[in-house]
Amino acid sequence: MARRLGDGLAALGLAPAFPVEANGVFVRLPETVHAGLQARGHGYYPFGDAADGLFRLMCSFDTRSEDVDRLLADVRELVAE
């Protein structure tokens, strides 16, 4: 699922900051996208200095493709705004 998430973000112009090798995706999010995702209830973690805008999005053994697709759909809408 992490690869699906990383590929989907890259297709939206938000390429992962590091190669996706396990269950985490590290990505820099514009503040408007971050705020919009938080307002829509998506949970993820800041990584490092908050001023860098780098976030860690984690997948687990029970992350469904629908979960990833919903987050990507929300990112798509927020990037287009």
PDB file of N, CA and C in Angstrom:
ATOM      1  N   MET A   1       0.812  -1.197   0.000  1.00  0.00           N
ATOM      2  CA  MET A   1       0.000   0.000   0.000  1.00  0.00           C
ATOM      3  C   MET A   1       0.861   1.270   0.000  1.00  0.00           C
ATOM      4  N   ALA A   2       2.019   1.209   0.664  1.00  0.00           N
ATOM      5  CA  ALA A   2       2.884   2.383   0.686  1.00  0.00           C
ATOM      6  C   ALA A   2       3.355   2.731  -0.724  1.00  0.00           C
ATOM      7  N   ARG A   3       3.665   1.734  -1.514  1.00  0.00           N
ATOM      8  CA  ARG A   3       4.096   1.993  -2.894  1.00  0.00           C
ATOM      9  C   ARG A   3       2.949   2.638  -3.672  1.00  0.00           C
ATOM     10  N   ARG A   4       1.741   2.151  -3.487  1.00  0.00           N
ATOM     11  CA  ARG A   4       0.567   2.733  -4.148  1.00  0.00           C
ATOM     12  C   ARG A   4       0.410   4.200  -3.739  1.00  0.00           C
ATOM     13  N   LEU A   5       0.597   4.469  -2.458  1.00  0.00           N
ATOM     14  CA  LEU A   5       0.487   5.830  -1.944  1.00  0.00           C
ATOM     15  C   LEU A   5       1.589   6.719  -2.518  1.00  0.00           C
ATOM     16  N   GLY A   6       2.814   6.242  -2.466  1.00  0.00           N
ATOM     17  CA  GLY A   6       3.930   7.018  -3.000  1.00  0.00           C
ATOM     18  C   GLY A   6       3.787   7.309  -4.477  1.00  0.00           C
ATOM     19  N   ASP A   7       3.389   6.304  -5.246  1.00  0.00           N
ATOM     20  CA  ASP A   7       3.196   6.495  -6.685  1.00  0.00           C
ATOM     21  C   ASP A   7       2.064   7.483  -6.958  1.00  0.00           C
ATOM     22  N   GLY A   8       0.995   7.368  -6.183  1.00  0.00           N
ATOM     23  CA  GLY A   8      -0.141   8.277  -6.364  1.00  0.00           C
ATOM     24  C   GLY A   8       0.217   9.709  -6.038  1.00  0.00           C
ATOM     25  N   LEU A   9       0.970   9.910  -4.966  1.00  0.00           N
ATOM     26  CA  LEU A   9       1.408  11.260  -4.612  1.00  0.00           C
ATOM     27  C   LEU A   9       2.336  11.826  -5.681  1.00  0.00           C
ATOM     28  N   ALA A  10       3.248  11.000  -6.170  1.00  0.00           N
ATOM     29  CA  ALA A  10       4.174  11.451  -7.226  1.00  0.00           C
ATOM     30  C   ALA A  10       3.398  11.874  -8.468  1.00  0.00           C
ATOM     31  N   ALA A  11       2.355  11.138  -8.809  1.00  0.00           N
ATOM     32  CA  ALA A  11       1.545  11.474  -9.982  1.00  0.00           C
ATOM     33  C   ALA A  11       0.834  12.815  -9.807  1.00  0.00           C
ATOM     34  N   LEU A  12       0.661  13.229  -8.559  1.00  0.00           N
ATOM     35  CA  LEU A  12       0.013  14.507  -8.266  1.00  0.00           C
ATOM     36  C   LEU A  12       1.040  15.636  -8.062  1.00  0.00           C
ATOM     37  N   GLY A  13       2.300  15.344  -8.334  1.00  0.00           N
ATOM     38  CA  GLY A  13       3.339  16.352  -8.208  1.00  0.00           C
ATOM     39  C   GLY A  13       3.965  16.439  -6.832  1.00  0.00           C
ATOM     40  N   LEU A  14       3.679  15.465  -5.968  1.00  0.00           N
ATOM     41  CA  LEU A  14       4.220  15.452  -4.613  1.00  0.00           C
ATOM     42  C   LEU A  14       5.060  14.185  -4.428  1.00  0.00           C
ATOM     43  N   ALA A  15       6.183  14.157  -5.087  1.00  0.00           N
ATOM     44  CA  ALA A  15       7.037  12.972  -5.047  1.00  0.00           C
ATOM     45  C   ALA A  15       7.568  12.741  -3.637  1.00  0.00           C
ATOM     46  N   PRO A  16       7.635  11.498  -3.197  1.00  0.00           N
ATOM     47  CA  PRO A  16       8.213  11.201  -1.887  1.00  0.00           C
ATOM     48  C   PRO A  16       9.642  11.737  -1.776  1.00  0.00           C
ATOM     49  N   ALA A  17       9.994  12.189  -0.577  1.00  0.00           N
ATOM     50  CA  ALA A  17      11.320  12.749  -0.323  1.00  0.00           C
ATOM     51  C   ALA A  17      12.395  11.666  -0.311  1.00  0.00           C
ATOM     52  N   PHE A  18      12.006  10.439  -0.020  1.00  0.00           N
ATOM     53  CA  PHE A  18      12.916   9.300   0.039  1.00  0.00           C
ATOM     54  C   PHE A  18      12.276   8.135  -0.700  1.00  0.00           C
ATOM     55  N   PRO A  19      13.057   7.175  -1.152  1.00  0.00           N
ATOM     56  CA  PRO A  19      12.476   6.003  -1.802  1.00  0.00           C
ATOM     57  C   PRO A  19      11.508   5.283  -0.852  1.00  0.00           C
ATOM     58  N   VAL A  20      10.418   4.793  -1.404  1.00  0.00           N
ATOM     59  CA  VAL A  20       9.447   4.027  -0.611  1.00  0.00           C
ATOM     60  C   VAL A  20       9.953   2.595  -0.569  1.00  0.00           C
ATOM     61  N   GLU A  21      10.417   2.183   0.614  1.00  0.00           N
ATOM     62  CA  GLU A  21      11.015   0.853   0.744  1.00  0.00           C
ATOM     63  C   GLU A  21      10.284  -0.028   1.744  1.00  0.00           C
ATOM     64  N   ALA A  22       9.405   0.525   2.519  1.00  0.00           N
ATOM     65  CA  ALA A  22       8.698  -0.268   3.521  1.00  0.00           C
ATOM     66  C   ALA A  22       7.263   0.237   3.609  1.00  0.00           C
ATOM     67  N   ASN A  23       6.801   0.541   4.810  1.00  0.00           N
ATOM     68  CA  ASN A  23       5.406   0.939   4.977  1.00  0.00           C
ATOM     69  C   ASN A  23       5.214   2.429   5.212  1.00  0.00           C
ATOM     70  N   GLY A  24       6.267   3.211   5.056  1.00  0.00           N
ATOM     71  CA  GLY A  24       6.153   4.648   5.271  1.00  0.00           C
ATOM     72  C   GLY A  24       6.458   5.442   4.019  1.00  0.00           C
ATOM     73  N   VAL A  25       5.764   6.569   3.885  1.00  0.00           N
ATOM     74  CA  VAL A  25       6.004   7.491   2.777  1.00  0.00           C
ATOM     75  C   VAL A  25       6.290   8.853   3.396  1.00  0.00           C
ATOM     76  N   PHE A  26       7.446   9.416   3.063  1.00  0.00           N
ATOM     77  CA  PHE A  26       7.852  10.728   3.558  1.00  0.00           C
ATOM     78  C   PHE A  26       7.667  11.722   2.420  1.00  0.00           C
ATOM     79  N   VAL A  27       6.859  12.745   2.659  1.00  0.00           N
ATOM     80  CA  VAL A  27       6.524  13.680   1.590  1.00  0.00           C
ATOM     81  C   VAL A  27       6.406  15.095   2.146  1.00  0.00           C
ATOM     82  N   ARG A  28       6.826  16.062   1.343  1.00  0.00           N
ATOM     83  CA  ARG A  28       6.642  17.472   1.703  1.00  0.00           C
ATOM     84  C   ARG A  28       5.279  17.904   1.182  1.00  0.00           C
ATOM     85  N   LEU A  29       4.466  18.415   2.081  1.00  0.00           N
ATOM     86  CA  LEU A  29       3.123  18.861   1.714  1.00  0.00           C
ATOM     87  C   LEU A  29       3.038  20.378   1.824  1.00  0.00           C
ATOM     88  N   PRO A  30       2.473  21.020   0.808  1.00  0.00           N
ATOM     89  CA  PRO A  30       2.189  22.453   0.949  1.00  0.00           C
ATOM     90  C   PRO A  30       1.247  22.655   2.143  1.00  0.00           C
ATOM     91  N   GLU A  31       1.366  23.775   2.811  1.00  0.00           N
ATOM     92  CA  GLU A  31       0.555  24.035   4.001  1.00  0.00           C
ATOM     93  C   GLU A  31      -0.937  23.901   3.720  1.00  0.00           C
ATOM     94  N   THR A  32      -1.391  24.360   2.556  1.00  0.00           N
ATOM     95  CA  THR A  32      -2.825  24.257   2.238  1.00  0.00           C
ATOM     96  C   THR A  32      -3.271  22.801   2.119  1.00  0.00           C
ATOM     97  N   VAL A  33      -2.421  21.959   1.556  1.00  0.00           N
ATOM     98  CA  VAL A  33      -2.756  20.537   1.431  1.00  0.00           C
ATOM     99  C   VAL A  33      -2.755  19.895   2.809  1.00  0.00           C
ATOM    100  N   HIS A  34      -1.736  20.175   3.601  1.00  0.00           N
ATOM    101  CA  HIS A  34      -1.659  19.628   4.960  1.00  0.00           C
ATOM    102  C   HIS A  34      -2.893  20.022   5.772  1.00  0.00           C
ATOM    103  N   ALA A  35      -3.225  21.311   5.774  1.00  0.00           N
ATOM    104  CA  ALA A  35      -4.379  21.787   6.542  1.00  0.00           C
ATOM    105  C   ALA A  35      -5.670  21.140   6.055  1.00  0.00           C
ATOM    106  N   GLY A  36      -5.808  21.014   4.743  1.00  0.00           N
ATOM    107  CA  GLY A  36      -7.006  20.396   4.186  1.00  0.00           C
ATOM    108  C   GLY A  36      -7.129  18.925   4.549  1.00  0.00           C
ATOM    109  N   LEU A  37      -6.025  18.200   4.510  1.00  0.00           N
ATOM    110  CA  LEU A  37      -6.060  16.777   4.878  1.00  0.00           C
ATOM    111  C   LEU A  37      -6.398  16.604   6.350  1.00  0.00           C
ATOM    112  N   GLN A  38      -5.811  17.458   7.199  1.00  0.00           N
ATOM    113  CA  GLN A  38      -6.115  17.384   8.628  1.00  0.00           C
ATOM    114  C   GLN A  38      -7.600  17.687   8.869  1.00  0.00           C
ATOM    115  N   ALA A  39      -8.130  18.686   8.180  1.00  0.00           N
ATOM    116  CA  ALA A  39      -9.543  19.042   8.338  1.00  0.00           C
ATOM    117  C   ALA A  39     -10.465  17.917   7.881  1.00  0.00           C
ATOM    118  N   ARG A  40      -9.993  17.107   6.958  1.00  0.00           N
ATOM    119  CA  ARG A  40     -10.794  15.994   6.455  1.00  0.00           C
ATOM    120  C   ARG A  40     -10.585  14.719   7.257  1.00  0.00           C
ATOM    121  N   GLY A  41      -9.807  14.808   8.325  1.00  0.00           N
ATOM    122  CA  GLY A  41      -9.663  13.696   9.251  1.00  0.00           C
ATOM    123  C   GLY A  41      -8.550  12.707   8.962  1.00  0.00           C
ATOM    124  N   HIS A  42      -7.656  13.021   8.044  1.00  0.00           N
ATOM    125  CA  HIS A  42      -6.542  12.118   7.752  1.00  0.00           C
ATOM    126  C   HIS A  42      -5.481  12.244   8.849  1.00  0.00           C
ATOM    127  N   GLY A  43      -4.974  11.128   9.290  1.00  0.00           N
ATOM    128  CA  GLY A  43      -3.971  11.118  10.336  1.00  0.00           C
ATOM    129  C   GLY A  43      -2.605  10.730   9.797  1.00  0.00           C
ATOM    130  N   TYR A  44      -1.606  11.529  10.109  1.00  0.00           N
ATOM    131  CA  TYR A  44      -0.222  11.245   9.746  1.00  0.00           C
ATOM    132  C   TYR A  44       0.649  12.100  10.657  1.00  0.00           C
ATOM    133  N   TYR A  45       1.948  12.006  10.497  1.00  0.00           N
ATOM    134  CA  TYR A  45       2.858  12.579  11.461  1.00  0.00           C
ATOM    135  C   TYR A  45       3.835  13.572  10.842  1.00  0.00           C
ATOM    136  N   PRO A  46       4.117  14.688  11.533  1.00  0.00           N
ATOM    137  CA  PRO A  46       5.203  15.552  11.065  1.00  0.00           C
ATOM    138  C   PRO A  46       6.518  14.799  11.267  1.00  0.00           C
ATOM    139  N   PHE A  47       7.492  15.103  10.450  1.00  0.00           N
ATOM    140  CA  PHE A  47       8.789  14.442  10.550  1.00  0.00           C
ATOM    141  C   PHE A  47       9.878  15.501  10.518  1.00  0.00           C
ATOM    142  N   GLY A  48      10.649  15.577  11.582  1.00  0.00           N
ATOM    143  CA  GLY A  48      11.709  16.580  11.651  1.00  0.00           C
ATOM    144  C   GLY A  48      11.157  17.947  12.006  1.00  0.00           C
ATOM    145  N   ASP A  49      11.828  18.963  11.551  1.00  0.00           N
ATOM    146  CA  ASP A  49      11.462  20.353  11.818  1.00  0.00           C
ATOM    147  C   ASP A  49      10.169  20.691  11.077  1.00  0.00           C
ATOM    148  N   ALA A  50       9.186  21.169  11.796  1.00  0.00           N
ATOM    149  CA  ALA A  50       7.888  21.493  11.198  1.00  0.00           C
ATOM    150  C   ALA A  50       8.017  22.503  10.062  1.00  0.00           C
ATOM    151  N   ALA A  51       9.019  23.363  10.120  1.00  0.00           N
ATOM    152  CA  ALA A  51       9.211  24.376   9.082  1.00  0.00           C
ATOM    153  C   ALA A  51       9.543  23.744   7.727  1.00  0.00           C
ATOM    154  N   ASP A  52      10.039  22.515   7.746  1.00  0.00           N
ATOM    155  CA  ASP A  52      10.368  21.825   6.496  1.00  0.00           C
ATOM    156  C   ASP A  52       9.125  21.311   5.765  1.00  0.00           C
ATOM    157  N   GLY A  53       8.020  21.154   6.487  1.00  0.00           N
ATOM    158  CA  GLY A  53       6.797  20.657   5.862  1.00  0.00           C
ATOM    159  C   GLY A  53       6.885  19.199   5.440  1.00  0.00           C
ATOM    160  N   LEU A  54       7.767  18.434   6.098  1.00  0.00           N
ATOM    161  CA  LEU A  54       7.928  17.023   5.764  1.00  0.00           C
ATOM    162  C   LEU A  54       7.050  16.192   6.694  1.00  0.00           C
ATOM    163  N   PHE A  55       6.320  15.256   6.108  1.00  0.00           N
ATOM    164  CA  PHE A  55       5.393  14.427   6.877  1.00  0.00           C
ATOM    165  C   PHE A  55       5.625  12.958   6.576  1.00  0.00           C
ATOM    166  N   ARG A  56       5.302  12.136   7.568  1.00  0.00           N
ATOM    167  CA  ARG A  56       5.432  10.679   7.457  1.00  0.00           C
ATOM    168  C   ARG A  56       4.036  10.084   7.409  1.00  0.00           C
ATOM    169  N   LEU A  57       3.699   9.480   6.284  1.00  0.00           N
ATOM    170  CA  LEU A  57       2.425   8.803   6.107  1.00  0.00           C
ATOM    171  C   LEU A  57       2.693   7.308   6.200  1.00  0.00           C
ATOM    172  N   MET A  58       2.017   6.648   7.125  1.00  0.00           N
ATOM    173  CA  MET A  58       2.292   5.238   7.398  1.00  0.00           C
ATOM    174  C   MET A  58       1.147   4.350   6.931  1.00  0.00           C
ATOM    175  N   CYS A  59       1.518   3.208   6.391  1.00  0.00           N
ATOM    176  CA  CYS A  59       0.555   2.162   6.044  1.00  0.00           C
ATOM    177  C   CYS A  59       0.796   0.997   7.000  1.00  0.00           C
ATOM    178  N   SER A  60      -0.235   0.205   7.234  1.00  0.00           N
ATOM    179  CA  SER A  60      -0.091  -0.963   8.102  1.00  0.00           C
ATOM    180  C   SER A  60      -0.615  -2.194   7.377  1.00  0.00           C
ATOM    181  N   PHE A  61      -0.561  -3.305   8.052  1.00  0.00           N
ATOM    182  CA  PHE A  61      -1.003  -4.558   7.440  1.00  0.00           C
ATOM    183  C   PHE A  61      -2.477  -4.522   7.050  1.00  0.00           C
ATOM    184  N   ASP A  62      -3.247  -3.656   7.696  1.00  0.00           N
ATOM    185  CA  ASP A  62      -4.676  -3.613   7.377  1.00  0.00           C
ATOM    186  C   ASP A  62      -5.090  -2.348   6.616  1.00  0.00           C
ATOM    187  N   THR A  63      -4.135  -1.612   6.073  1.00  0.00           N
ATOM    188  CA  THR A  63      -4.466  -0.461   5.226  1.00  0.00           C
ATOM    189  C   THR A  63      -5.071  -0.989   3.930  1.00  0.00           C
ATOM    190  N   ARG A  64      -6.229  -0.483   3.588  1.00  0.00           N
ATOM    191  CA  ARG A  64      -6.934  -0.942   2.381  1.00  0.00           C
ATOM    192  C   ARG A  64      -6.663  -0.003   1.218  1.00  0.00           C
ATOM    193  N   SER A  65      -6.789  -0.525   0.029  1.00  0.00           N
ATOM    194  CA  SER A  65      -6.604   0.304  -1.161  1.00  0.00           C
ATOM    195  C   SER A  65      -7.605   1.458  -1.159  1.00  0.00           C
ATOM    196  N   GLU A  66      -8.792   1.229  -0.623  1.00  0.00           N
ATOM    197  CA  GLU A  66      -9.804   2.288  -0.555  1.00  0.00           C
ATOM    198  C   GLU A  66      -9.333   3.441   0.332  1.00  0.00           C
ATOM    199  N   ASP A  67      -8.600   3.119   1.403  1.00  0.00           N
ATOM    200  CA  ASP A  67      -8.075   4.155   2.291  1.00  0.00           C
ATOM    201  C   ASP A  67      -7.062   5.033   1.554  1.00  0.00           C
ATOM    202  N   VAL A  68      -6.163   4.383   0.833  1.00  0.00           N
ATOM    203  CA  VAL A  68      -5.146   5.105   0.064  1.00  0.00           C
ATOM    204  C   VAL A  68      -5.813   5.937  -1.018  1.00  0.00           C
ATOM    205  N   ASP A  69      -6.764   5.349  -1.724  1.00  0.00           N
ATOM    206  CA  ASP A  69      -7.437   6.064  -2.806  1.00  0.00           C
ATOM    207  C   ASP A  69      -8.217   7.273  -2.295  1.00  0.00           C
ATOM    208  N   ARG A  70      -8.819   7.155  -1.108  1.00  0.00           N
ATOM    209  CA  ARG A  70      -9.560   8.283  -0.531  1.00  0.00           C
ATOM    210  C   ARG A  70      -8.599   9.427  -0.197  1.00  0.00           C
ATOM    211  N   LEU A  71      -7.454   9.113   0.403  1.00  0.00           N
ATOM    212  CA  LEU A  71      -6.477  10.152   0.708  1.00  0.00           C
ATOM    213  C   LEU A  71      -5.978  10.802  -0.577  1.00  0.00           C
ATOM    214  N   LEU A  72      -5.679  10.003  -1.587  1.00  0.00           N
ATOM    215  CA  LEU A  72      -5.199  10.557  -2.860  1.00  0.00           C
ATOM    216  C   LEU A  72      -6.256  11.427  -3.530  1.00  0.00           C
ATOM    217  N   ALA A  73      -7.516  11.029  -3.434  1.00  0.00           N
ATOM    218  CA  ALA A  73      -8.591  11.855  -3.996  1.00  0.00           C
ATOM    219  C   ALA A  73      -8.657  13.204  -3.294  1.00  0.00           C
ATOM    220  N   ASP A  74      -8.493  13.187  -1.977  1.00  0.00           N
ATOM    221  CA  ASP A  74      -8.506  14.444  -1.235  1.00  0.00           C
ATOM    222  C   ASP A  74      -7.295  15.298  -1.593  1.00  0.00           C
ATOM    223  N   VAL A  75      -6.131  14.687  -1.732  1.00  0.00           N
ATOM    224  CA  VAL A  75      -4.946  15.433  -2.145  1.00  0.00           C
ATOM    225  C   VAL A  75      -5.180  16.054  -3.519  1.00  0.00           C
ATOM    226  N   ARG A  76      -5.749  15.288  -4.446  1.00  0.00           N
ATOM    227  CA  ARG A  76      -6.022  15.775  -5.807  1.00  0.00           C
ATOM    228  C   ARG A  76      -6.895  17.022  -5.740  1.00  0.00           C
ATOM    229  N   GLU A  77      -7.946  16.995  -4.931  1.00  0.00           N
ATOM    230  CA  GLU A  77      -8.828  18.154  -4.821  1.00  0.00           C
ATOM    231  C   GLU A  77      -8.099  19.353  -4.217  1.00  0.00           C
ATOM    232  N   LEU A  78      -7.299  19.104  -3.198  1.00  0.00           N
ATOM    233  CA  LEU A  78      -6.619  20.198  -2.510  1.00  0.00           C
ATOM    234  C   LEU A  78      -5.527  20.818  -3.368  1.00  0.00           C
ATOM    235  N   VAL A  79      -4.844  20.017  -4.158  1.00  0.00           N
ATOM    236  CA  VAL A  79      -3.800  20.537  -5.047  1.00  0.00           C
ATOM    237  C   VAL A  79      -4.426  21.409  -6.131  1.00  0.00           C
ATOM    238  N   ALA A  80      -5.633  21.035  -6.564  1.00  0.00           N
ATOM    239  CA  ALA A  80      -6.313  21.758  -7.639  1.00  0.00           C
ATOM    240  C   ALA A  80      -6.884  23.106  -7.163  1.00  0.00           C
ATOM    241  N   GLU A  81      -7.031  23.298  -5.860  1.00  0.00           N
ATOM    242  CA  GLU A  81      -7.629  24.545  -5.346  1.00  0.00           C
ATOM    243  C   GLU A  81      -6.711  25.729  -5.512  1.00  0.00           C
TER     244      GLU A  81
END
